[in-house]
Amino acid sequence: MVSNKRQRQLAHARWERQEARRRAAAAKQRRLRIIGGVVAGVVVVALLGWVVARLVADERAARNPAQTPPVQTPAPSLGSLVPTPTVSFPTITGSPSPTGPTPSLHVSVSTPPKTTTVPQPDTTAPPSSPGASQ
């Protein structure tokens, strides 16, 4: 038989092991709550930053509603063989009021007609004589 003193020692050791496990679990839960709070805080700050950026961009667009005309860029020397498309920016038509018709969006893209360029002879080279050997 185990003596009463030994039983108390075993019970005390068991209680210490359980208490250590409880403290470790509580510390782990605390760390997880802190990490979760930091991650949630970063997400909220990023979301607020995105919303503010969108509002500023929308406000700037509302202040400057003038649309720019389509831009024609000069084609490079080989670009004359490839047509350059012309893009028209979208226009919204219709009434913006809730009682009016639904606004519609029109976008058009067109390609200019294909043109070919005939190469011209080089006029900077000196003329060669027909009887000269090279």
C-alpha atoms as a PDB file:
ATOM      1  CA  MET A   1       0.000   0.000   0.000  1.00  0.00           C
ATOM      2  CA  VAL A   2       0.959   3.529  -0.637  1.00  0.00           C
ATOM      3  CA  SER A   3       1.357   5.679   2.387  1.00  0.00           C
ATOM      4  CA  ASN A   4      -0.801   8.728   3.002  1.00  0.00           C
ATOM      5  CA  LYS A   5       2.210  11.008   2.618  1.00  0.00           C
ATOM      6  CA  ARG A   6       3.048   9.517  -0.820  1.00  0.00           C
ATOM      7  CA  GLN A   7      -0.564   9.942  -1.959  1.00  0.00           C
ATOM      8  CA  ARG A   8      -0.428  13.622  -1.040  1.00  0.00           C
ATOM      9  CA  GLN A   9       2.834  14.042  -2.947  1.00  0.00           C
ATOM     10  CA  LEU A  10       1.373  12.382  -6.067  1.00  0.00           C
ATOM     11  CA  ALA A  11      -1.812  14.460  -5.854  1.00  0.00           C
ATOM     12  CA  HIS A  12       0.199  17.658  -5.456  1.00  0.00           C
ATOM     13  CA  ALA A  13       2.398  16.800  -8.456  1.00  0.00           C
ATOM     14  CA  ARG A  14      -0.703  16.025 -10.540  1.00  0.00           C
ATOM     15  CA  TRP A  15      -2.296  19.336  -9.513  1.00  0.00           C
ATOM     16  CA  GLU A  16       0.914  21.235 -10.485  1.00  0.00           C
ATOM     17  CA  ARG A  17       1.016  19.572 -13.929  1.00  0.00           C
ATOM     18  CA  GLN A  18      -2.660  20.418 -14.559  1.00  0.00           C
ATOM     19  CA  GLU A  19      -2.139  24.002 -13.358  1.00  0.00           C
ATOM     20  CA  ALA A  20       0.875  24.390 -15.685  1.00  0.00           C
ATOM     21  CA  ARG A  21      -1.252  23.125 -18.616  1.00  0.00           C
ATOM     22  CA  ARG A  22      -4.019  25.586 -17.726  1.00  0.00           C
ATOM     23  CA  ARG A  23      -1.546  28.493 -17.563  1.00  0.00           C
ATOM     24  CA  ALA A  24      -0.021  27.502 -20.926  1.00  0.00           C
ATOM     25  CA  ALA A  25      -3.482  27.256 -22.532  1.00  0.00           C
ATOM     26  CA  ALA A  26      -4.479  30.649 -21.101  1.00  0.00           C
ATOM     27  CA  ALA A  27      -1.247  32.221 -22.406  1.00  0.00           C
ATOM     28  CA  LYS A  28      -1.841  30.689 -25.850  1.00  0.00           C
ATOM     29  CA  GLN A  29      -5.422  32.003 -25.929  1.00  0.00           C
ATOM     30  CA  ARG A  30      -4.187  35.452 -24.915  1.00  0.00           C
ATOM     31  CA  ARG A  31      -1.580  35.445 -27.733  1.00  0.00           C
ATOM     32  CA  LEU A  32      -4.179  34.325 -30.264  1.00  0.00           C
ATOM     33  CA  ARG A  33      -6.582  37.084 -29.180  1.00  0.00           C
ATOM     34  CA  ILE A  34      -3.831  39.694 -29.498  1.00  0.00           C
ATOM     35  CA  ILE A  35      -2.800  38.451 -32.958  1.00  0.00           C
ATOM     36  CA  GLY A  36      -6.439  38.349 -34.082  1.00  0.00           C
ATOM     37  CA  GLY A  37      -7.007  41.881 -32.806  1.00  0.00           C
ATOM     38  CA  VAL A  38      -3.929  43.203 -34.605  1.00  0.00           C
ATOM     39  CA  VAL A  39      -4.928  41.498 -37.872  1.00  0.00           C
ATOM     40  CA  ALA A  40      -8.487  42.836 -37.592  1.00  0.00           C
ATOM     41  CA  GLY A  41      -7.125  46.320 -36.862  1.00  0.00           C
ATOM     42  CA  VAL A  42      -4.863  46.226 -39.925  1.00  0.00           C
ATOM     43  CA  VAL A  43      -7.771  45.077 -42.110  1.00  0.00           C
ATOM     44  CA  VAL A  44      -9.991  47.877 -40.804  1.00  0.00           C
ATOM     45  CA  VAL A  45      -7.288  50.519 -41.356  1.00  0.00           C
ATOM     46  CA  ALA A  46      -6.612  49.232 -44.893  1.00  0.00           C
ATOM     47  CA  LEU A  47     -10.335  49.221 -45.675  1.00  0.00           C
ATOM     48  CA  LEU A  48     -10.754  52.757 -44.377  1.00  0.00           C
ATOM     49  CA  GLY A  49      -7.751  53.895 -46.432  1.00  0.00           C
ATOM     50  CA  TRP A  50      -9.226  52.318 -49.552  1.00  0.00           C
ATOM     51  CA  VAL A  51     -12.626  53.958 -48.944  1.00  0.00           C
ATOM     52  CA  VAL A  52     -11.023  57.372 -48.423  1.00  0.00           C
ATOM     53  CA  ALA A  53      -8.940  56.960 -51.599  1.00  0.00           C
ATOM     54  CA  ARG A  54     -12.055  56.038 -53.592  1.00  0.00           C
ATOM     55  CA  LEU A  55     -13.988  58.998 -52.213  1.00  0.00           C
ATOM     56  CA  VAL A  56     -11.166  61.400 -53.067  1.00  0.00           C
ATOM     57  CA  ALA A  57     -10.878  59.954 -56.589  1.00  0.00           C
ATOM     58  CA  ASP A  58     -14.652  60.173 -57.108  1.00  0.00           C
ATOM     59  CA  GLU A  59     -14.694  63.758 -55.832  1.00  0.00           C
ATOM     60  CA  ARG A  60     -11.869  64.739 -58.196  1.00  0.00           C
ATOM     61  CA  ALA A  61     -13.689  63.107 -61.099  1.00  0.00           C
ATOM     62  CA  ALA A  62     -16.897  64.939 -60.192  1.00  0.00           C
ATOM     63  CA  ARG A  63     -15.059  68.281 -60.069  1.00  0.00           C
ATOM     64  CA  ASN A  64     -13.463  67.739 -63.490  1.00  0.00           C
ATOM     65  CA  PRO A  65     -16.108  66.061 -65.678  1.00  0.00           C
ATOM     66  CA  ALA A  66     -14.576  67.295 -68.975  1.00  0.00           C
ATOM     67  CA  GLN A  67     -13.707  64.377 -71.170  1.00  0.00           C
ATOM     68  CA  THR A  68     -10.526  64.408 -73.162  1.00  0.00           C
ATOM     69  CA  PRO A  69     -10.744  63.835 -76.919  1.00  0.00           C
ATOM     70  CA  PRO A  70      -9.277  60.668 -78.415  1.00  0.00           C
ATOM     71  CA  VAL A  71      -5.503  60.825 -78.692  1.00  0.00           C
ATOM     72  CA  GLN A  72      -3.772  60.118 -82.006  1.00  0.00           C
ATOM     73  CA  THR A  73      -0.100  59.291 -81.611  1.00  0.00           C
ATOM     74  CA  PRO A  74       2.267  59.314 -84.557  1.00  0.00           C
ATOM     75  CA  ALA A  75       3.032  55.822 -85.750  1.00  0.00           C
ATOM     76  CA  PRO A  76       6.654  54.637 -85.848  1.00  0.00           C
ATOM     77  CA  SER A  77       8.232  53.722 -89.198  1.00  0.00           C
ATOM     78  CA  LEU A  78       7.063  50.101 -88.924  1.00  0.00           C
ATOM     79  CA  GLY A  79       3.800  51.197 -87.379  1.00  0.00           C
ATOM     80  CA  SER A  80       2.441  52.263 -90.741  1.00  0.00           C
ATOM     81  CA  LEU A  81       1.891  48.585 -91.472  1.00  0.00           C
ATOM     82  CA  VAL A  82      -0.157  48.125 -88.281  1.00  0.00           C
ATOM     83  CA  PRO A  83      -3.320  50.237 -87.902  1.00  0.00           C
ATOM     84  CA  THR A  84      -3.585  52.294 -84.723  1.00  0.00           C
ATOM     85  CA  PRO A  85      -7.013  51.972 -83.077  1.00  0.00           C
ATOM     86  CA  THR A  86      -8.908  55.068 -81.973  1.00  0.00           C
ATOM     87  CA  VAL A  87     -10.677  54.794 -78.631  1.00  0.00           C
ATOM     88  CA  SER A  88     -13.579  57.015 -77.651  1.00  0.00           C
ATOM     89  CA  PHE A  89     -14.078  57.468 -73.943  1.00  0.00           C
ATOM     90  CA  PRO A  90     -17.422  56.282 -72.528  1.00  0.00           C
ATOM     91  CA  THR A  91     -20.270  58.733 -72.395  1.00  0.00           C
ATOM     92  CA  ILE A  92     -23.315  58.386 -70.189  1.00  0.00           C
ATOM     93  CA  THR A  93     -26.608  59.509 -71.611  1.00  0.00           C
ATOM     94  CA  GLY A  94     -29.996  59.741 -69.978  1.00  0.00           C
ATOM     95  CA  SER A  95     -31.398  61.449 -66.954  1.00  0.00           C
ATOM     96  CA  PRO A  96     -29.626  60.932 -63.627  1.00  0.00           C
ATOM     97  CA  SER A  97     -32.852  61.505 -61.706  1.00  0.00           C
ATOM     98  CA  PRO A  98     -34.604  58.507 -60.149  1.00  0.00           C
ATOM     99  CA  THR A  99     -37.812  59.240 -62.043  1.00  0.00           C
ATOM    100  CA  GLY A 100     -36.166  59.549 -65.482  1.00  0.00           C
ATOM    101  CA  PRO A 101     -35.005  56.836 -67.860  1.00  0.00           C
ATOM    102  CA  THR A 102     -32.108  54.599 -66.934  1.00  0.00           C
ATOM    103  CA  PRO A 103     -28.766  56.026 -68.071  1.00  0.00           C
ATOM    104  CA  SER A 104     -26.940  54.008 -70.714  1.00  0.00           C
ATOM    105  CA  LEU A 105     -23.230  53.685 -71.366  1.00  0.00           C
ATOM    106  CA  HIS A 106     -21.821  53.868 -74.924  1.00  0.00           C
ATOM    107  CA  VAL A 107     -18.258  52.863 -75.771  1.00  0.00           C
ATOM    108  CA  SER A 108     -16.858  52.804 -79.309  1.00  0.00           C
ATOM    109  CA  VAL A 109     -13.545  51.598 -80.656  1.00  0.00           C
ATOM    110  CA  SER A 110     -12.629  52.076 -84.317  1.00  0.00           C
ATOM    111  CA  THR A 111      -9.605  51.178 -86.424  1.00  0.00           C
ATOM    112  CA  PRO A 112      -8.463  53.535 -89.177  1.00  0.00           C
ATOM    113  CA  PRO A 113      -8.281  52.171 -92.736  1.00  0.00           C
ATOM    114  CA  LYS A 114      -5.173  50.183 -93.563  1.00  0.00           C
ATOM    115  CA  THR A 115      -2.574  52.048 -95.604  1.00  0.00           C
ATOM    116  CA  THR A 116       0.659  50.769 -97.057  1.00  0.00           C
ATOM    117  CA  THR A 117       3.831  52.743 -97.614  1.00  0.00           C
ATOM    118  CA  VAL A 118       5.991  52.212-100.684  1.00  0.00           C
ATOM    119  CA  PRO A 119       9.710  52.441 -99.862  1.00  0.00           C
ATOM    120  CA  GLN A 120      11.470  55.276-101.692  1.00  0.00           C
ATOM    121  CA  PRO A 121      14.993  54.874-103.143  1.00  0.00           C
ATOM    122  CA  ASP A 122      17.834  56.340-101.106  1.00  0.00           C
ATOM    123  CA  THR A 123      18.731  59.678-102.715  1.00  0.00           C
ATOM    124  CA  THR A 124      21.749  60.329-100.465  1.00  0.00           C
ATOM    125  CA  ALA A 125      23.955  57.602-102.032  1.00  0.00           C
ATOM    126  CA  PRO A 126      26.157  58.654-104.976  1.00  0.00           C
ATOM    127  CA  PRO A 127      25.051  57.237-108.312  1.00  0.00           C
ATOM    128  CA  SER A 128      27.088  54.310-109.547  1.00  0.00           C
ATOM    129  CA  SER A 129      28.392  54.164-113.081  1.00  0.00           C
ATOM    130  CA  PRO A 130      27.191  51.235-115.194  1.00  0.00           C
ATOM    131  CA  GLY A 131      30.680  50.118-116.246  1.00  0.00           C
ATOM    132  CA  ALA A 132      32.348  50.271-112.849  1.00  0.00           C
ATOM    133  CA  SER A 133      33.377  46.975-111.280  1.00  0.00           C
ATOM    134  CA  GLN A 134      33.035  46.405-107.621  1.00  0.00           C
END
